[in-house]
């Protein structure tokens, strides 16, 4: 059974930093795309950043480029999202999700990650950025 557990959310002032973690279990980590998505109240779930466990290829949403960094530790089956220079508009529940590599490549999720393409999700972690 695929399990994803997010951690690291919290309350931070604008300009601050947080590091989110997504610990994965129940599947072989060698060829998956792990994505971070966020959802603010009343808004749709949006792709923030994704990474391929097979070759390290990444995707970043334009609004987070230069501020967020995604990384992966294959030995620990964990994906991290380092978030710097946080803004109030980054406030949302952040979710991680997993999609098998072959399907991810066929769907082009590293070009545009559609949350509907990801079958496995964590429970989410709240990030609140105060102004």
C-alpha atoms as a PDB file:
ATOM      1  CA  UNK A   1       0.000   0.000   0.000  1.00  0.00           C
ATOM      2  CA  UNK A   2       1.385   3.378  -1.026  1.00  0.00           C
ATOM      3  CA  UNK A   3       1.645   5.755   1.907  1.00  0.00           C
ATOM      4  CA  UNK A   4       2.796   9.355   1.850  1.00  0.00           C
ATOM      5  CA  UNK A   5       3.227  11.386   5.024  1.00  0.00           C
ATOM      6  CA  UNK A   6       3.911  15.100   4.926  1.00  0.00           C
ATOM      7  CA  UNK A   7       5.480  17.093   7.729  1.00  0.00           C
ATOM      8  CA  UNK A   8       7.148  20.429   8.321  1.00  0.00           C
ATOM      9  CA  UNK A   9       4.293  22.857   7.892  1.00  0.00           C
ATOM     10  CA  UNK A  10       3.618  25.694  10.299  1.00  0.00           C
ATOM     11  CA  UNK A  11       3.220  29.413  10.806  1.00  0.00           C
ATOM     12  CA  UNK A  12       5.959  31.718   9.560  1.00  0.00           C
ATOM     13  CA  UNK A  13       6.319  35.406   8.866  1.00  0.00           C
ATOM     14  CA  UNK A  14       6.663  36.720   5.345  1.00  0.00           C
ATOM     15  CA  UNK A  15      10.244  36.350   4.187  1.00  0.00           C
ATOM     16  CA  UNK A  16      10.802  33.285   6.338  1.00  0.00           C
ATOM     17  CA  UNK A  17      11.508  29.681   5.437  1.00  0.00           C
ATOM     18  CA  UNK A  18      10.062  26.239   5.959  1.00  0.00           C
ATOM     19  CA  UNK A  19      11.136  22.802   4.812  1.00  0.00           C
ATOM     20  CA  UNK A  20       8.448  20.272   4.040  1.00  0.00           C
ATOM     21  CA  UNK A  21       9.122  16.545   4.005  1.00  0.00           C
ATOM     22  CA  UNK A  22       7.230  13.782   2.249  1.00  0.00           C
ATOM     23  CA  UNK A  23       8.068  10.313   3.548  1.00  0.00           C
ATOM     24  CA  UNK A  24       7.001   7.544   1.188  1.00  0.00           C
ATOM     25  CA  UNK A  25       6.485   3.859   1.881  1.00  0.00           C
ATOM     26  CA  UNK A  26       4.822   0.836   0.365  1.00  0.00           C
ATOM     27  CA  UNK A  27       6.371   1.114  -3.081  1.00  0.00           C
ATOM     28  CA  UNK A  28       9.718   0.960  -4.804  1.00  0.00           C
ATOM     29  CA  UNK A  29      11.054   4.469  -5.034  1.00  0.00           C
ATOM     30  CA  UNK A  30      13.270   3.996  -8.049  1.00  0.00           C
ATOM     31  CA  UNK A  31      11.018   5.320 -10.814  1.00  0.00           C
ATOM     32  CA  UNK A  32       8.332   7.656  -9.573  1.00  0.00           C
ATOM     33  CA  UNK A  33       7.462  11.304  -9.862  1.00  0.00           C
ATOM     34  CA  UNK A  34       6.730  12.878  -6.507  1.00  0.00           C
ATOM     35  CA  UNK A  35       4.828  16.118  -6.635  1.00  0.00           C
ATOM     36  CA  UNK A  36       4.040  18.875  -4.176  1.00  0.00           C
ATOM     37  CA  UNK A  37       0.647  20.515  -4.600  1.00  0.00           C
ATOM     38  CA  UNK A  38      -1.107  23.201  -2.610  1.00  0.00           C
ATOM     39  CA  UNK A  39      -4.688  24.184  -2.038  1.00  0.00           C
ATOM     40  CA  UNK A  40      -5.877  27.423  -0.489  1.00  0.00           C
ATOM     41  CA  UNK A  41      -9.470  27.724   0.812  1.00  0.00           C
ATOM     42  CA  UNK A  42     -11.923  28.067  -2.045  1.00  0.00           C
ATOM     43  CA  UNK A  43      -9.251  27.407  -4.654  1.00  0.00           C
ATOM     44  CA  UNK A  44      -8.349  24.427  -6.772  1.00  0.00           C
ATOM     45  CA  UNK A  45      -5.375  22.222  -5.998  1.00  0.00           C
ATOM     46  CA  UNK A  46      -2.323  23.398  -7.949  1.00  0.00           C
ATOM     47  CA  UNK A  47       1.038  21.856  -8.758  1.00  0.00           C
ATOM     48  CA  UNK A  48       3.942  23.566  -6.990  1.00  0.00           C
ATOM     49  CA  UNK A  49       6.934  21.391  -7.750  1.00  0.00           C
ATOM     50  CA  UNK A  50       7.708  17.849  -8.867  1.00  0.00           C
ATOM     51  CA  UNK A  51      10.771  15.651  -9.051  1.00  0.00           C
ATOM     52  CA  UNK A  52      11.616  12.408 -10.775  1.00  0.00           C
ATOM     53  CA  UNK A  53      13.221   9.784  -8.548  1.00  0.00           C
ATOM     54  CA  UNK A  54      14.901   8.162 -11.572  1.00  0.00           C
ATOM     55  CA  UNK A  55      16.820  11.133 -13.003  1.00  0.00           C
ATOM     56  CA  UNK A  56      16.140  14.119 -10.731  1.00  0.00           C
ATOM     57  CA  UNK A  57      14.256  16.101 -13.362  1.00  0.00           C
ATOM     58  CA  UNK A  58      12.157  18.833 -11.813  1.00  0.00           C
ATOM     59  CA  UNK A  59       9.196  21.101 -12.389  1.00  0.00           C
ATOM     60  CA  UNK A  60       8.475  24.392 -10.602  1.00  0.00           C
ATOM     61  CA  UNK A  61       5.439  26.575 -10.769  1.00  0.00           C
ATOM     62  CA  UNK A  62       6.408  30.029 -12.076  1.00  0.00           C
ATOM     63  CA  UNK A  63       5.364  31.773  -8.876  1.00  0.00           C
ATOM     64  CA  UNK A  64       7.805  29.732  -6.771  1.00  0.00           C
ATOM     65  CA  UNK A  65      10.811  29.612  -9.092  1.00  0.00           C
ATOM     66  CA  UNK A  66      13.899  30.958  -7.354  1.00  0.00           C
ATOM     67  CA  UNK A  67      12.273  30.613  -3.921  1.00  0.00           C
ATOM     68  CA  UNK A  68      11.425  26.910  -3.579  1.00  0.00           C
ATOM     69  CA  UNK A  69      13.785  23.971  -4.063  1.00  0.00           C
ATOM     70  CA  UNK A  70      12.699  20.365  -4.359  1.00  0.00           C
ATOM     71  CA  UNK A  71      15.087  17.543  -3.549  1.00  0.00           C
ATOM     72  CA  UNK A  72      14.999  13.811  -3.049  1.00  0.00           C
ATOM     73  CA  UNK A  73      16.770  11.330  -0.817  1.00  0.00           C
ATOM     74  CA  UNK A  74      16.256   7.974  -2.484  1.00  0.00           C
ATOM     75  CA  UNK A  75      17.879   6.104   0.394  1.00  0.00           C
ATOM     76  CA  UNK A  76      15.266   7.500   2.781  1.00  0.00           C
ATOM     77  CA  UNK A  77      12.358   7.465   0.301  1.00  0.00           C
ATOM     78  CA  UNK A  78      11.800  11.097   1.172  1.00  0.00           C
ATOM     79  CA  UNK A  79      11.212  14.208  -0.896  1.00  0.00           C
ATOM     80  CA  UNK A  80      11.810  17.675   0.514  1.00  0.00           C
ATOM     81  CA  UNK A  81      10.489  21.083  -0.438  1.00  0.00           C
ATOM     82  CA  UNK A  82      12.648  23.924   0.845  1.00  0.00           C
ATOM     83  CA  UNK A  83      10.575  27.092   0.804  1.00  0.00           C
ATOM     84  CA  UNK A  84      12.403  30.385   1.198  1.00  0.00           C
ATOM     85  CA  UNK A  85      11.278  34.006   0.929  1.00  0.00           C
ATOM     86  CA  UNK A  86       7.762  32.924   1.761  1.00  0.00           C
ATOM     87  CA  UNK A  87       4.870  35.217   0.884  1.00  0.00           C
ATOM     88  CA  UNK A  88       1.349  35.399   2.307  1.00  0.00           C
ATOM     89  CA  UNK A  89       0.038  34.077  -1.004  1.00  0.00           C
ATOM     90  CA  UNK A  90       1.952  30.837  -0.339  1.00  0.00           C
ATOM     91  CA  UNK A  91      -0.501  30.093   2.473  1.00  0.00           C
ATOM     92  CA  UNK A  92      -2.250  26.800   1.751  1.00  0.00           C
ATOM     93  CA  UNK A  93      -2.435  23.151   2.658  1.00  0.00           C
ATOM     94  CA  UNK A  94       0.484  21.427   0.975  1.00  0.00           C
ATOM     95  CA  UNK A  95       0.116  17.848  -0.231  1.00  0.00           C
ATOM     96  CA  UNK A  96       2.579  15.418  -1.713  1.00  0.00           C
ATOM     97  CA  UNK A  97       1.515  12.876  -4.307  1.00  0.00           C
ATOM     98  CA  UNK A  98       3.121  10.021  -6.214  1.00  0.00           C
ATOM     99  CA  UNK A  99       2.808   8.793  -9.758  1.00  0.00           C
ATOM    100  CA  UNK A 100       4.665   5.922 -11.389  1.00  0.00           C
ATOM    101  CA  UNK A 101       7.443   7.089 -13.702  1.00  0.00           C
ATOM    102  CA  UNK A 102       6.281   5.539 -16.977  1.00  0.00           C
ATOM    103  CA  UNK A 103       2.806   7.015 -16.572  1.00  0.00           C
ATOM    104  CA  UNK A 104       4.246  10.349 -15.490  1.00  0.00           C
ATOM    105  CA  UNK A 105       6.420  10.544 -18.590  1.00  0.00           C
ATOM    106  CA  UNK A 106       3.538   9.616 -20.863  1.00  0.00           C
ATOM    107  CA  UNK A 107       1.367  12.330 -19.311  1.00  0.00           C
ATOM    108  CA  UNK A 108       4.090  14.971 -19.233  1.00  0.00           C
ATOM    109  CA  UNK A 109       3.617  15.788 -15.563  1.00  0.00           C
ATOM    110  CA  UNK A 110       7.036  17.417 -15.357  1.00  0.00           C
ATOM    111  CA  UNK A 111       5.768  19.957 -17.876  1.00  0.00           C
ATOM    112  CA  UNK A 112       2.377  20.456 -16.286  1.00  0.00           C
ATOM    113  CA  UNK A 113       1.401  18.411 -13.218  1.00  0.00           C
ATOM    114  CA  UNK A 114      -2.337  17.806 -13.187  1.00  0.00           C
ATOM    115  CA  UNK A 115      -3.436  16.654  -9.713  1.00  0.00           C
ATOM    116  CA  UNK A 116      -6.055  14.415 -11.318  1.00  0.00           C
ATOM    117  CA  UNK A 117      -3.214  12.305 -12.756  1.00  0.00           C
ATOM    118  CA  UNK A 118      -1.787  11.410  -9.339  1.00  0.00           C
ATOM    119  CA  UNK A 119      -3.451   8.425  -7.644  1.00  0.00           C
ATOM    120  CA  UNK A 120      -1.664   8.492  -4.291  1.00  0.00           C
ATOM    121  CA  UNK A 121      -1.788  11.376  -1.817  1.00  0.00           C
ATOM    122  CA  UNK A 122      -0.694  12.304   1.658  1.00  0.00           C
ATOM    123  CA  UNK A 123      -2.947  13.945   4.216  1.00  0.00           C
ATOM    124  CA  UNK A 124      -1.486  17.428   3.775  1.00  0.00           C
ATOM    125  CA  UNK A 125       0.312  19.904   5.993  1.00  0.00           C
ATOM    126  CA  UNK A 126      -0.771  23.481   6.645  1.00  0.00           C
ATOM    127  CA  UNK A 127       1.539  26.339   5.732  1.00  0.00           C
ATOM    128  CA  UNK A 128       0.528  29.784   6.930  1.00  0.00           C
ATOM    129  CA  UNK A 129       2.551  32.870   6.048  1.00  0.00           C
ATOM    130  CA  UNK A 130       1.690  36.018   7.964  1.00  0.00           C
ATOM    131  CA  UNK A 131       2.286  39.489   6.559  1.00  0.00           C
END
